[in-house]
Amino acid sequence: MATVANFTIDRGSNVCVELFARDSEGNYLNLVGHTASGYMRYKYNSGVIFDLQPTIDPSYISGAININLFGTGTTNLFPGVHYYDIYAYSGNNRTRIIQGQVYVSPDITR
């Protein structure tokens, strides 16, 4: 089962988020030899609106996934609650390791 982790994006701002993938017993996943991908959607069944470009922390065994986004990429996101998931890939294996909600907070001053 994927780890559930929610986070916030302040629209128009740079975003640095560190998420931790864990197994069913709460241990960090060993991600040696894996790559990651993850996308955000307005609804579960809508099209992809944003590539989160997740990267696996170089320690690999910490289960840490980093998301680093620039304000130029977050400016066009609509405020509200959206959904995302992150998959880890190794060879032909694909595993959903993290999922959750992203709250995009509106900006007032541009």
PDB file of N, CA and C in Angstrom:
ATOM      1  N   MET A   1       0.840  -1.176   0.000  1.00  0.00           N
ATOM      2  CA  MET A   1       0.000   0.000   0.000  1.00  0.00           C
ATOM      3  C   MET A   1       0.888   1.244   0.000  1.00  0.00           C
ATOM      4  N   ALA A   2       0.531   2.230  -0.767  1.00  0.00           N
ATOM      5  CA  ALA A   2       1.309   3.462  -0.884  1.00  0.00           C
ATOM      6  C   ALA A   2       1.200   4.306   0.379  1.00  0.00           C
ATOM      7  N   THR A   3       2.291   4.966   0.713  1.00  0.00           N
ATOM      8  CA  THR A   3       2.309   5.925   1.817  1.00  0.00           C
ATOM      9  C   THR A   3       1.440   7.115   1.443  1.00  0.00           C
ATOM     10  N   VAL A   4       0.624   7.600   2.364  1.00  0.00           N
ATOM     11  CA  VAL A   4      -0.201   8.781   2.117  1.00  0.00           C
ATOM     12  C   VAL A   4       0.517   9.995   2.697  1.00  0.00           C
ATOM     13  N   ALA A   5       0.730  10.999   1.846  1.00  0.00           N
ATOM     14  CA  ALA A   5       1.396  12.233   2.285  1.00  0.00           C
ATOM     15  C   ALA A   5       0.770  13.404   1.546  1.00  0.00           C
ATOM     16  N   ASN A   6       0.227  14.343   2.281  1.00  0.00           N
ATOM     17  CA  ASN A   6      -0.379  15.545   1.712  1.00  0.00           C
ATOM     18  C   ASN A   6       0.592  16.716   1.866  1.00  0.00           C
ATOM     19  N   PHE A   7       0.551  17.661   0.937  1.00  0.00           N
ATOM     20  CA  PHE A   7       1.391  18.848   1.046  1.00  0.00           C
ATOM     21  C   PHE A   7       0.739  20.031   0.354  1.00  0.00           C
ATOM     22  N   THR A   8       1.320  21.222   0.550  1.00  0.00           N
ATOM     23  CA  THR A   8       0.775  22.475   0.022  1.00  0.00           C
ATOM     24  C   THR A   8       1.746  23.098  -0.964  1.00  0.00           C
ATOM     25  N   ILE A   9       1.186  23.659  -2.022  1.00  0.00           N
ATOM     26  CA  ILE A   9       1.946  24.473  -2.971  1.00  0.00           C
ATOM     27  C   ILE A   9       1.362  25.875  -2.906  1.00  0.00           C
ATOM     28  N   ASP A  10       2.199  26.859  -2.627  1.00  0.00           N
ATOM     29  CA  ASP A  10       1.776  28.254  -2.715  1.00  0.00           C
ATOM     30  C   ASP A  10       1.924  28.654  -4.182  1.00  0.00           C
ATOM     31  N   ARG A  11       0.802  28.880  -4.848  1.00  0.00           N
ATOM     32  CA  ARG A  11       0.826  29.166  -6.280  1.00  0.00           C
ATOM     33  C   ARG A  11       1.783  30.317  -6.585  1.00  0.00           C
ATOM     34  N   GLY A  12       2.641  30.103  -7.575  1.00  0.00           N
ATOM     35  CA  GLY A  12       3.593  31.109  -7.993  1.00  0.00           C
ATOM     36  C   GLY A  12       4.897  31.102  -7.214  1.00  0.00           C
ATOM     37  N   SER A  13       5.031  30.201  -6.250  1.00  0.00           N
ATOM     38  CA  SER A  13       6.244  30.138  -5.430  1.00  0.00           C
ATOM     39  C   SER A  13       7.067  28.904  -5.764  1.00  0.00           C
ATOM     40  N   ASN A  14       8.344  28.966  -5.414  1.00  0.00           N
ATOM     41  CA  ASN A  14       9.192  27.783  -5.500  1.00  0.00           C
ATOM     42  C   ASN A  14       8.743  26.787  -4.442  1.00  0.00           C
ATOM     43  N   VAL A  15       8.850  25.497  -4.750  1.00  0.00           N
ATOM     44  CA  VAL A  15       8.396  24.460  -3.836  1.00  0.00           C
ATOM     45  C   VAL A  15       9.508  23.437  -3.650  1.00  0.00           C
ATOM     46  N   CYS A  16       9.829  23.125  -2.404  1.00  0.00           N
ATOM     47  CA  CYS A  16      10.769  22.060  -2.072  1.00  0.00           C
ATOM     48  C   CYS A  16      10.080  21.181  -1.031  1.00  0.00           C
ATOM     49  N   VAL A  17       9.759  19.947  -1.411  1.00  0.00           N
ATOM     50  CA  VAL A  17       9.056  19.034  -0.521  1.00  0.00           C
ATOM     51  C   VAL A  17       9.847  17.734  -0.455  1.00  0.00           C
ATOM     52  N   GLU A  18      10.016  17.200   0.753  1.00  0.00           N
ATOM     53  CA  GLU A  18      10.637  15.893   0.919  1.00  0.00           C
ATOM     54  C   GLU A  18       9.588  14.956   1.490  1.00  0.00           C
ATOM     55  N   LEU A  19       9.323  13.876   0.779  1.00  0.00           N
ATOM     56  CA  LEU A  19       8.336  12.882   1.186  1.00  0.00           C
ATOM     57  C   LEU A  19       9.058  11.574   1.474  1.00  0.00           C
ATOM     58  N   PHE A  20       8.497  10.749   2.346  1.00  0.00           N
ATOM     59  CA  PHE A  20       9.144   9.496   2.715  1.00  0.00           C
ATOM     60  C   PHE A  20       8.233   8.304   2.444  1.00  0.00           C
ATOM     61  N   ALA A  21       8.708   7.389   1.602  1.00  0.00           N
ATOM     62  CA  ALA A  21       7.964   6.172   1.283  1.00  0.00           C
ATOM     63  C   ALA A  21       8.284   5.112   2.329  1.00  0.00           C
ATOM     64  N   ARG A  22       7.228   4.473   2.841  1.00  0.00           N
ATOM     65  CA  ARG A  22       7.395   3.452   3.879  1.00  0.00           C
ATOM     66  C   ARG A  22       6.624   2.188   3.508  1.00  0.00           C
ATOM     67  N   ASP A  23       7.065   1.076   4.047  1.00  0.00           N
ATOM     68  CA  ASP A  23       6.344  -0.176   3.834  1.00  0.00           C
ATOM     69  C   ASP A  23       5.210  -0.289   4.845  1.00  0.00           C
ATOM     70  N   SER A  24       4.479  -1.390   4.813  1.00  0.00           N
ATOM     71  CA  SER A  24       3.304  -1.558   5.678  1.00  0.00           C
ATOM     72  C   SER A  24       3.662  -1.610   7.160  1.00  0.00           C
ATOM     73  N   GLU A  25       4.936  -1.853   7.485  1.00  0.00           N
ATOM     74  CA  GLU A  25       5.369  -1.887   8.881  1.00  0.00           C
ATOM     75  C   GLU A  25       5.981  -0.567   9.337  1.00  0.00           C
ATOM     76  N   GLY A  26       5.988   0.438   8.430  1.00  0.00           N
ATOM     77  CA  GLY A  26       6.503   1.751   8.783  1.00  0.00           C
ATOM     78  C   GLY A  26       7.983   1.951   8.519  1.00  0.00           C
ATOM     79  N   ASN A  27       8.645   0.949   7.936  1.00  0.00           N
ATOM     80  CA  ASN A  27      10.068   1.068   7.609  1.00  0.00           C
ATOM     81  C   ASN A  27      10.246   1.821   6.296  1.00  0.00           C
ATOM     82  N   TYR A  28      11.323   2.597   6.205  1.00  0.00           N
ATOM     83  CA  TYR A  28      11.614   3.288   4.948  1.00  0.00           C
ATOM     84  C   TYR A  28      11.876   2.280   3.843  1.00  0.00           C
ATOM     85  N   LEU A  29      11.385   2.599   2.627  1.00  0.00           N
ATOM     86  CA  LEU A  29      11.635   1.726   1.489  1.00  0.00           C
ATOM     87  C   LEU A  29      13.067   1.883   1.012  1.00  0.00           C
ATOM     88  N   ASN A  30      13.670   0.775   0.633  1.00  0.00           N
ATOM     89  CA  ASN A  30      14.992   0.782   0.027  1.00  0.00           C
ATOM     90  C   ASN A  30      14.791   1.010  -1.468  1.00  0.00           C
ATOM     91  N   LEU A  31      15.237   2.145  -1.983  1.00  0.00           N
ATOM     92  CA  LEU A  31      14.988   2.515  -3.375  1.00  0.00           C
ATOM     93  C   LEU A  31      16.235   2.415  -4.252  1.00  0.00           C
ATOM     94  N   VAL A  32      17.206   1.606  -3.825  1.00  0.00           N
ATOM     95  CA  VAL A  32      18.410   1.386  -4.626  1.00  0.00           C
ATOM     96  C   VAL A  32      18.002   0.815  -5.980  1.00  0.00           C
ATOM     97  N   GLY A  33      18.519   1.407  -7.053  1.00  0.00           N
ATOM     98  CA  GLY A  33      18.237   0.922  -8.403  1.00  0.00           C
ATOM     99  C   GLY A  33      16.901   1.369  -8.966  1.00  0.00           C
ATOM    100  N   HIS A  34      16.198   2.264  -8.291  1.00  0.00           N
ATOM    101  CA  HIS A  34      14.890   2.736  -8.744  1.00  0.00           C
ATOM    102  C   HIS A  34      14.974   4.152  -9.319  1.00  0.00           C
ATOM    103  N   THR A  35      14.028   4.465 -10.167  1.00  0.00           N
ATOM    104  CA  THR A  35      13.775   5.834 -10.602  1.00  0.00           C
ATOM    105  C   THR A  35      12.344   6.155 -10.200  1.00  0.00           C
ATOM    106  N   ALA A  36      11.966   7.415 -10.295  1.00  0.00           N
ATOM    107  CA  ALA A  36      10.623   7.812  -9.859  1.00  0.00           C
ATOM    108  C   ALA A  36       9.956   8.716 -10.883  1.00  0.00           C
ATOM    109  N   SER A  37       8.624   8.659 -10.906  1.00  0.00           N
ATOM    110  CA  SER A  37       7.827   9.620 -11.674  1.00  0.00           C
ATOM    111  C   SER A  37       6.554   9.893 -10.893  1.00  0.00           C
ATOM    112  N   GLY A  38       5.999  11.088 -11.099  1.00  0.00           N
ATOM    113  CA  GLY A  38       4.782  11.434 -10.379  1.00  0.00           C
ATOM    114  C   GLY A  38       4.077  12.604 -11.032  1.00  0.00           C
ATOM    115  N   TYR A  39       2.756  12.548 -10.988  1.00  0.00           N
ATOM    116  CA  TYR A  39       1.944  13.568 -11.644  1.00  0.00           C
ATOM    117  C   TYR A  39       0.809  14.019 -10.736  1.00  0.00           C
ATOM    118  N   MET A  40       0.312  15.189 -11.012  1.00  0.00           N
ATOM    119  CA  MET A  40      -0.801  15.761 -10.277  1.00  0.00           C
ATOM    120  C   MET A  40      -1.984  15.916 -11.222  1.00  0.00           C
ATOM    121  N   ARG A  41      -3.184  15.707 -10.698  1.00  0.00           N
ATOM    122  CA  ARG A  41      -4.431  15.839 -11.459  1.00  0.00           C
ATOM    123  C   ARG A  41      -5.433  16.637 -10.635  1.00  0.00           C
ATOM    124  N   TYR A  42      -6.374  17.296 -11.329  1.00  0.00           N
ATOM    125  CA  TYR A  42      -7.440  18.008 -10.617  1.00  0.00           C
ATOM    126  C   TYR A  42      -8.377  17.030  -9.932  1.00  0.00           C
ATOM    127  N   LYS A  43      -8.669  15.931 -10.613  1.00  0.00           N
ATOM    128  CA  LYS A  43      -9.517  14.865 -10.082  1.00  0.00           C
ATOM    129  C   LYS A  43      -8.831  13.550 -10.417  1.00  0.00           C
ATOM    130  N   TYR A  44      -9.247  12.484  -9.773  1.00  0.00           N
ATOM    131  CA  TYR A  44      -8.622  11.186 -10.022  1.00  0.00           C
ATOM    132  C   TYR A  44      -8.701  10.774 -11.486  1.00  0.00           C
ATOM    133  N   ASN A  45      -9.797  11.104 -12.145  1.00  0.00           N
ATOM    134  CA  ASN A  45     -10.003  10.651 -13.521  1.00  0.00           C
ATOM    135  C   ASN A  45      -9.756  11.738 -14.567  1.00  0.00           C
ATOM    136  N   SER A  46      -9.175  12.878 -14.188  1.00  0.00           N
ATOM    137  CA  SER A  46      -8.904  13.941 -15.160  1.00  0.00           C
ATOM    138  C   SER A  46      -7.509  13.751 -15.755  1.00  0.00           C
ATOM    139  N   GLY A  47      -7.197  14.559 -16.737  1.00  0.00           N
ATOM    140  CA  GLY A  47      -5.879  14.501 -17.358  1.00  0.00           C
ATOM    141  C   GLY A  47      -4.801  15.055 -16.428  1.00  0.00           C
ATOM    142  N   VAL A  48      -3.570  14.720 -16.745  1.00  0.00           N
ATOM    143  CA  VAL A  48      -2.431  15.203 -15.975  1.00  0.00           C
ATOM    144  C   VAL A  48      -2.311  16.713 -16.136  1.00  0.00           C
ATOM    145  N   ILE A  49      -2.149  17.421 -15.021  1.00  0.00           N
ATOM    146  CA  ILE A  49      -1.993  18.875 -15.098  1.00  0.00           C
ATOM    147  C   ILE A  49      -0.587  19.331 -14.746  1.00  0.00           C
ATOM    148  N   PHE A  50       0.184  18.457 -14.078  1.00  0.00           N
ATOM    149  CA  PHE A  50       1.499  18.900 -13.638  1.00  0.00           C
ATOM    150  C   PHE A  50       2.412  17.706 -13.408  1.00  0.00           C
ATOM    151  N   ASP A  51       3.620  17.785 -13.946  1.00  0.00           N
ATOM    152  CA  ASP A  51       4.650  16.778 -13.703  1.00  0.00           C
ATOM    153  C   ASP A  51       5.425  17.213 -12.465  1.00  0.00           C
ATOM    154  N   LEU A  52       5.361  16.428 -11.421  1.00  0.00           N
ATOM    155  CA  LEU A  52       6.029  16.777 -10.167  1.00  0.00           C
ATOM    156  C   LEU A  52       7.547  16.565 -10.231  1.00  0.00           C
ATOM    157  N   GLN A  53       8.027  15.846 -11.211  1.00  0.00           N
ATOM    158  CA  GLN A  53       9.451  15.591 -11.411  1.00  0.00           C
ATOM    159  C   GLN A  53      10.136  15.104 -10.129  1.00  0.00           C
ATOM    160  N   PRO A  54       9.603  14.071  -9.500  1.00  0.00           N
ATOM    161  CA  PRO A  54      10.206  13.595  -8.256  1.00  0.00           C
ATOM    162  C   PRO A  54      11.566  12.944  -8.503  1.00  0.00           C
ATOM    163  N   THR A  55      12.452  13.088  -7.536  1.00  0.00           N
ATOM    164  CA  THR A  55      13.746  12.426  -7.597  1.00  0.00           C
ATOM    165  C   THR A  55      13.956  11.646  -6.310  1.00  0.00           C
ATOM    166  N   ILE A  56      14.654  10.556  -6.427  1.00  0.00           N
ATOM    167  CA  ILE A  56      14.957   9.733  -5.259  1.00  0.00           C
ATOM    168  C   ILE A  56      16.211  10.285  -4.601  1.00  0.00           C
ATOM    169  N   ASP A  57      16.152  10.463  -3.282  1.00  0.00           N
ATOM    170  CA  ASP A  57      17.299  10.967  -2.535  1.00  0.00           C
ATOM    171  C   ASP A  57      18.488  10.024  -2.750  1.00  0.00           C
ATOM    172  N   PRO A  58      19.679  10.573  -2.920  1.00  0.00           N
ATOM    173  CA  PRO A  58      20.857   9.742  -3.177  1.00  0.00           C
ATOM    174  C   PRO A  58      21.171   8.700  -2.105  1.00  0.00           C
ATOM    175  N   SER A  59      20.619   8.835  -0.906  1.00  0.00           N
ATOM    176  CA  SER A  59      20.864   7.826   0.130  1.00  0.00           C
ATOM    177  C   SER A  59      20.122   6.519  -0.184  1.00  0.00           C
ATOM    178  N   TYR A  60      19.097   6.573  -1.025  1.00  0.00           N
ATOM    179  CA  TYR A  60      18.288   5.436  -1.485  1.00  0.00           C
ATOM    180  C   TYR A  60      17.561   4.686  -0.372  1.00  0.00           C
ATOM    181  N   ILE A  61      18.222   4.374   0.718  1.00  0.00           N
ATOM    182  CA  ILE A  61      17.580   3.552   1.748  1.00  0.00           C
ATOM    183  C   ILE A  61      16.744   4.367   2.721  1.00  0.00           C
ATOM    184  N   SER A  62      16.721   5.688   2.560  1.00  0.00           N
ATOM    185  CA  SER A  62      15.922   6.530   3.457  1.00  0.00           C
ATOM    186  C   SER A  62      14.469   6.610   3.020  1.00  0.00           C
ATOM    187  N   GLY A  63      14.163   6.128   1.812  1.00  0.00           N
ATOM    188  CA  GLY A  63      12.806   6.222   1.289  1.00  0.00           C
ATOM    189  C   GLY A  63      12.415   7.630   0.903  1.00  0.00           C
ATOM    190  N   ALA A  64      13.391   8.546   0.879  1.00  0.00           N
ATOM    191  CA  ALA A  64      13.095   9.955   0.627  1.00  0.00           C
ATOM    192  C   ALA A  64      12.925  10.249  -0.860  1.00  0.00           C
ATOM    193  N   ILE A  65      11.859  10.974  -1.154  1.00  0.00           N
ATOM    194  CA  ILE A  65      11.563  11.449  -2.502  1.00  0.00           C
ATOM    195  C   ILE A  65      11.527  12.968  -2.429  1.00  0.00           C
ATOM    196  N   ASN A  66      12.254  13.621  -3.315  1.00  0.00           N
ATOM    197  CA  ASN A  66      12.307  15.087  -3.333  1.00  0.00           C
ATOM    198  C   ASN A  66      11.518  15.641  -4.511  1.00  0.00           C
ATOM    199  N   ILE A  67      10.769  16.698  -4.238  1.00  0.00           N
ATOM    200  CA  ILE A  67      10.047  17.433  -5.278  1.00  0.00           C
ATOM    201  C   ILE A  67      10.509  18.883  -5.184  1.00  0.00           C
ATOM    202  N   ASN A  68      11.108  19.376  -6.256  1.00  0.00           N
ATOM    203  CA  ASN A  68      11.604  20.751  -6.312  1.00  0.00           C
ATOM    204  C   ASN A  68      11.017  21.422  -7.542  1.00  0.00           C
ATOM    205  N   LEU A  69      10.164  22.413  -7.323  1.00  0.00           N
ATOM    206  CA  LEU A  69       9.479  23.094  -8.423  1.00  0.00           C
ATOM    207  C   LEU A  69       9.760  24.589  -8.367  1.00  0.00           C
ATOM    208  N   PHE A  70       9.791  25.205  -9.531  1.00  0.00           N
ATOM    209  CA  PHE A  70       9.990  26.645  -9.615  1.00  0.00           C
ATOM    210  C   PHE A  70       8.655  27.364  -9.715  1.00  0.00           C
ATOM    211  N   GLY A  71       8.630  28.602  -9.263  1.00  0.00           N
ATOM    212  CA  GLY A  71       7.416  29.415  -9.292  1.00  0.00           C
ATOM    213  C   GLY A  71       6.838  29.573 -10.682  1.00  0.00           C
ATOM    214  N   THR A  72       7.698  29.575 -11.704  1.00  0.00           N
ATOM    215  CA  THR A  72       7.188  29.690 -13.075  1.00  0.00           C
ATOM    216  C   THR A  72       6.307  28.509 -13.441  1.00  0.00           C
ATOM    217  N   GLY A  73       6.544  27.360 -12.823  1.00  0.00           N
ATOM    218  CA  GLY A  73       5.725  26.181 -13.093  1.00  0.00           C
ATOM    219  C   GLY A  73       4.467  26.107 -12.263  1.00  0.00           C
ATOM    220  N   THR A  74       4.476  26.724 -11.088  1.00  0.00           N
ATOM    221  CA  THR A  74       3.306  26.636 -10.208  1.00  0.00           C
ATOM    222  C   THR A  74       2.327  27.791 -10.412  1.00  0.00           C
ATOM    223  N   THR A  75       2.709  28.803 -11.183  1.00  0.00           N
ATOM    224  CA  THR A  75       1.885  29.990 -11.382  1.00  0.00           C
ATOM    225  C   THR A  75       0.534  29.687 -12.011  1.00  0.00           C
ATOM    226  N   ASN A  76       0.477  28.720 -12.910  1.00  0.00           N
ATOM    227  CA  ASN A  76      -0.756  28.452 -13.644  1.00  0.00           C
ATOM    228  C   ASN A  76      -1.659  27.407 -12.995  1.00  0.00           C
ATOM    229  N   LEU A  77      -1.297  26.919 -11.828  1.00  0.00           N
ATOM    230  CA  LEU A  77      -2.142  25.935 -11.148  1.00  0.00           C
ATOM    231  C   LEU A  77      -3.366  26.625 -10.547  1.00  0.00           C
ATOM    232  N   PHE A  78      -4.513  25.968 -10.641  1.00  0.00           N
ATOM    233  CA  PHE A  78      -5.729  26.506 -10.036  1.00  0.00           C
ATOM    234  C   PHE A  78      -5.727  26.210  -8.543  1.00  0.00           C
ATOM    235  N   PRO A  79      -6.123  27.179  -7.719  1.00  0.00           N
ATOM    236  CA  PRO A  79      -6.207  26.938  -6.282  1.00  0.00           C
ATOM    237  C   PRO A  79      -7.212  25.836  -5.964  1.00  0.00           C
ATOM    238  N   GLY A  80      -6.962  25.134  -4.889  1.00  0.00           N
ATOM    239  CA  GLY A  80      -7.860  24.080  -4.440  1.00  0.00           C
ATOM    240  C   GLY A  80      -7.121  22.801  -4.139  1.00  0.00           C
ATOM    241  N   VAL A  81      -7.887  21.738  -3.900  1.00  0.00           N
ATOM    242  CA  VAL A  81      -7.327  20.430  -3.581  1.00  0.00           C
ATOM    243  C   VAL A  81      -7.218  19.608  -4.856  1.00  0.00           C
ATOM    244  N   HIS A  82      -6.038  19.034  -5.073  1.00  0.00           N
ATOM    245  CA  HIS A  82      -5.769  18.189  -6.233  1.00  0.00           C
ATOM    246  C   HIS A  82      -5.161  16.879  -5.739  1.00  0.00           C
ATOM    247  N   TYR A  83      -4.908  15.948  -6.631  1.00  0.00           N
ATOM    248  CA  TYR A  83      -4.456  14.611  -6.258  1.00  0.00           C
ATOM    249  C   TYR A  83      -3.173  14.259  -6.999  1.00  0.00           C
ATOM    250  N   TYR A  84      -2.330  13.453  -6.363  1.00  0.00           N
ATOM    251  CA  TYR A  84      -1.079  13.048  -6.995  1.00  0.00           C
ATOM    252  C   TYR A  84      -0.709  11.641  -6.549  1.00  0.00           C
ATOM    253  N   ASP A  85       0.186  11.035  -7.296  1.00  0.00           N
ATOM    254  CA  ASP A  85       0.849   9.828  -6.845  1.00  0.00           C
ATOM    255  C   ASP A  85       2.242   9.769  -7.450  1.00  0.00           C
ATOM    256  N   ILE A  86       3.084   8.974  -6.811  1.00  0.00           N
ATOM    257  CA  ILE A  86       4.465   8.801  -7.248  1.00  0.00           C
ATOM    258  C   ILE A  86       4.733   7.312  -7.355  1.00  0.00           C
ATOM    259  N   TYR A  87       5.324   6.926  -8.468  1.00  0.00           N
ATOM    260  CA  TYR A  87       5.683   5.540  -8.727  1.00  0.00           C
ATOM    261  C   TYR A  87       7.192   5.384  -8.724  1.00  0.00           C
ATOM    262  N   ALA A  88       7.657   4.232  -8.240  1.00  0.00           N
ATOM    263  CA  ALA A  88       9.065   3.859  -8.323  1.00  0.00           C
ATOM    264  C   ALA A  88       9.186   2.768  -9.388  1.00  0.00           C
ATOM    265  N   TYR A  89      10.236   2.857 -10.206  1.00  0.00           N
ATOM    266  CA  TYR A  89      10.469   1.915 -11.300  1.00  0.00           C
ATOM    267  C   TYR A  89      11.820   1.254 -11.124  1.00  0.00           C
ATOM    268  N   SER A  90      11.840  -0.051 -11.338  1.00  0.00           N
ATOM    269  CA  SER A  90      13.088  -0.809 -11.358  1.00  0.00           C
ATOM    270  C   SER A  90      12.907  -1.923 -12.380  1.00  0.00           C
ATOM    271  N   GLY A  91      13.628  -1.827 -13.492  1.00  0.00           N
ATOM    272  CA  GLY A  91      13.426  -2.802 -14.570  1.00  0.00           C
ATOM    273  C   GLY A  91      12.003  -2.732 -15.068  1.00  0.00           C
ATOM    274  N   ASN A  92      11.312  -3.871 -15.096  1.00  0.00           N
ATOM    275  CA  ASN A  92       9.919  -3.924 -15.535  1.00  0.00           C
ATOM    276  C   ASN A  92       8.931  -3.757 -14.388  1.00  0.00           C
ATOM    277  N   ASN A  93       9.426  -3.531 -13.184  1.00  0.00           N
ATOM    278  CA  ASN A  93       8.557  -3.380 -12.018  1.00  0.00           C
ATOM    279  C   ASN A  93       8.171  -1.928 -11.799  1.00  0.00           C
ATOM    280  N   ARG A  94       6.902  -1.727 -11.516  1.00  0.00           N
ATOM    281  CA  ARG A  94       6.350  -0.392 -11.257  1.00  0.00           C
ATOM    282  C   ARG A  94       5.506  -0.479  -9.993  1.00  0.00           C
ATOM    283  N   THR A  95       5.826   0.367  -9.002  1.00  0.00           N
ATOM    284  CA  THR A  95       5.126   0.322  -7.723  1.00  0.00           C
ATOM    285  C   THR A  95       4.736   1.723  -7.293  1.00  0.00           C
ATOM    286  N   ARG A  96       3.464   1.895  -6.954  1.00  0.00           N
ATOM    287  CA  ARG A  96       3.033   3.186  -6.403  1.00  0.00           C
ATOM    288  C   ARG A  96       3.515   3.242  -4.962  1.00  0.00           C
ATOM    289  N   ILE A  97       4.355   4.249  -4.657  1.00  0.00           N
ATOM    290  CA  ILE A  97       4.955   4.302  -3.327  1.00  0.00           C
ATOM    291  C   ILE A  97       4.405   5.433  -2.460  1.00  0.00           C
ATOM    292  N   ILE A  98       3.920   6.506  -3.076  1.00  0.00           N
ATOM    293  CA  ILE A  98       3.368   7.638  -2.319  1.00  0.00           C
ATOM    294  C   ILE A  98       2.154   8.172  -3.072  1.00  0.00           C
ATOM    295  N   GLN A  99       1.139   8.580  -2.335  1.00  0.00           N
ATOM    296  CA  GLN A  99      -0.044   9.201  -2.931  1.00  0.00           C
ATOM    297  C   GLN A  99      -0.623  10.188  -1.942  1.00  0.00           C
ATOM    298  N   GLY A 100      -1.442  11.097  -2.448  1.00  0.00           N
ATOM    299  CA  GLY A 100      -2.086  12.021  -1.528  1.00  0.00           C
ATOM    300  C   GLY A 100      -2.727  13.196  -2.221  1.00  0.00           C
ATOM    301  N   GLN A 101      -2.961  14.224  -1.435  1.00  0.00           N
ATOM    302  CA  GLN A 101      -3.580  15.443  -1.919  1.00  0.00           C
ATOM    303  C   GLN A 101      -2.574  16.585  -1.876  1.00  0.00           C
ATOM    304  N   VAL A 102      -2.739  17.485  -2.829  1.00  0.00           N
ATOM    305  CA  VAL A 102      -1.940  18.705  -2.871  1.00  0.00           C
ATOM    306  C   VAL A 102      -2.910  19.868  -2.777  1.00  0.00           C
ATOM    307  N   TYR A 103      -2.710  20.713  -1.778  1.00  0.00           N
ATOM    308  CA  TYR A 103      -3.521  21.918  -1.682  1.00  0.00           C
ATOM    309  C   TYR A 103      -2.731  23.041  -2.338  1.00  0.00           C
ATOM    310  N   VAL A 104      -3.309  23.648  -3.360  1.00  0.00           N
ATOM    311  CA  VAL A 104      -2.694  24.800  -4.023  1.00  0.00           C
ATOM    312  C   VAL A 104      -3.364  26.047  -3.452  1.00  0.00           C
ATOM    313  N   SER A 105      -2.569  26.831  -2.722  1.00  0.00           N
ATOM    314  CA  SER A 105      -3.123  28.037  -2.124  1.00  0.00           C
ATOM    315  C   SER A 105      -3.042  29.185  -3.128  1.00  0.00           C
ATOM    316  N   PRO A 106      -4.067  30.020  -3.181  1.00  0.00           N
ATOM    317  CA  PRO A 106      -4.087  31.115  -4.138  1.00  0.00           C
ATOM    318  C   PRO A 106      -3.090  32.200  -3.763  1.00  0.00           C
ATOM    319  N   ASP A 107      -2.644  32.930  -4.783  1.00  0.00           N
ATOM    320  CA  ASP A 107      -1.809  34.083  -4.517  1.00  0.00           C
ATOM    321  C   ASP A 107      -2.648  35.343  -4.729  1.00  0.00           C
ATOM    322  N   ILE A 108      -2.376  36.365  -3.973  1.00  0.00           N
ATOM    323  CA  ILE A 108      -3.128  37.607  -4.064  1.00  0.00           C
ATOM    324  C   ILE A 108      -2.342  38.629  -4.871  1.00  0.00           C
ATOM    325  N   THR A 109      -1.059  38.710  -4.610  1.00  0.00           N
ATOM    326  CA  THR A 109      -0.196  39.678  -5.305  1.00  0.00           C
ATOM    327  C   THR A 109       0.614  38.958  -6.361  1.00  0.00           C
ATOM    328  N   ARG A 110       0.589  39.468  -7.573  1.00  0.00           N
ATOM    329  CA  ARG A 110       1.397  38.862  -8.648  1.00  0.00           C
ATOM    330  C   ARG A 110       2.460  39.810  -9.056  1.00  0.00           C
TER     331      ARG A 110
END
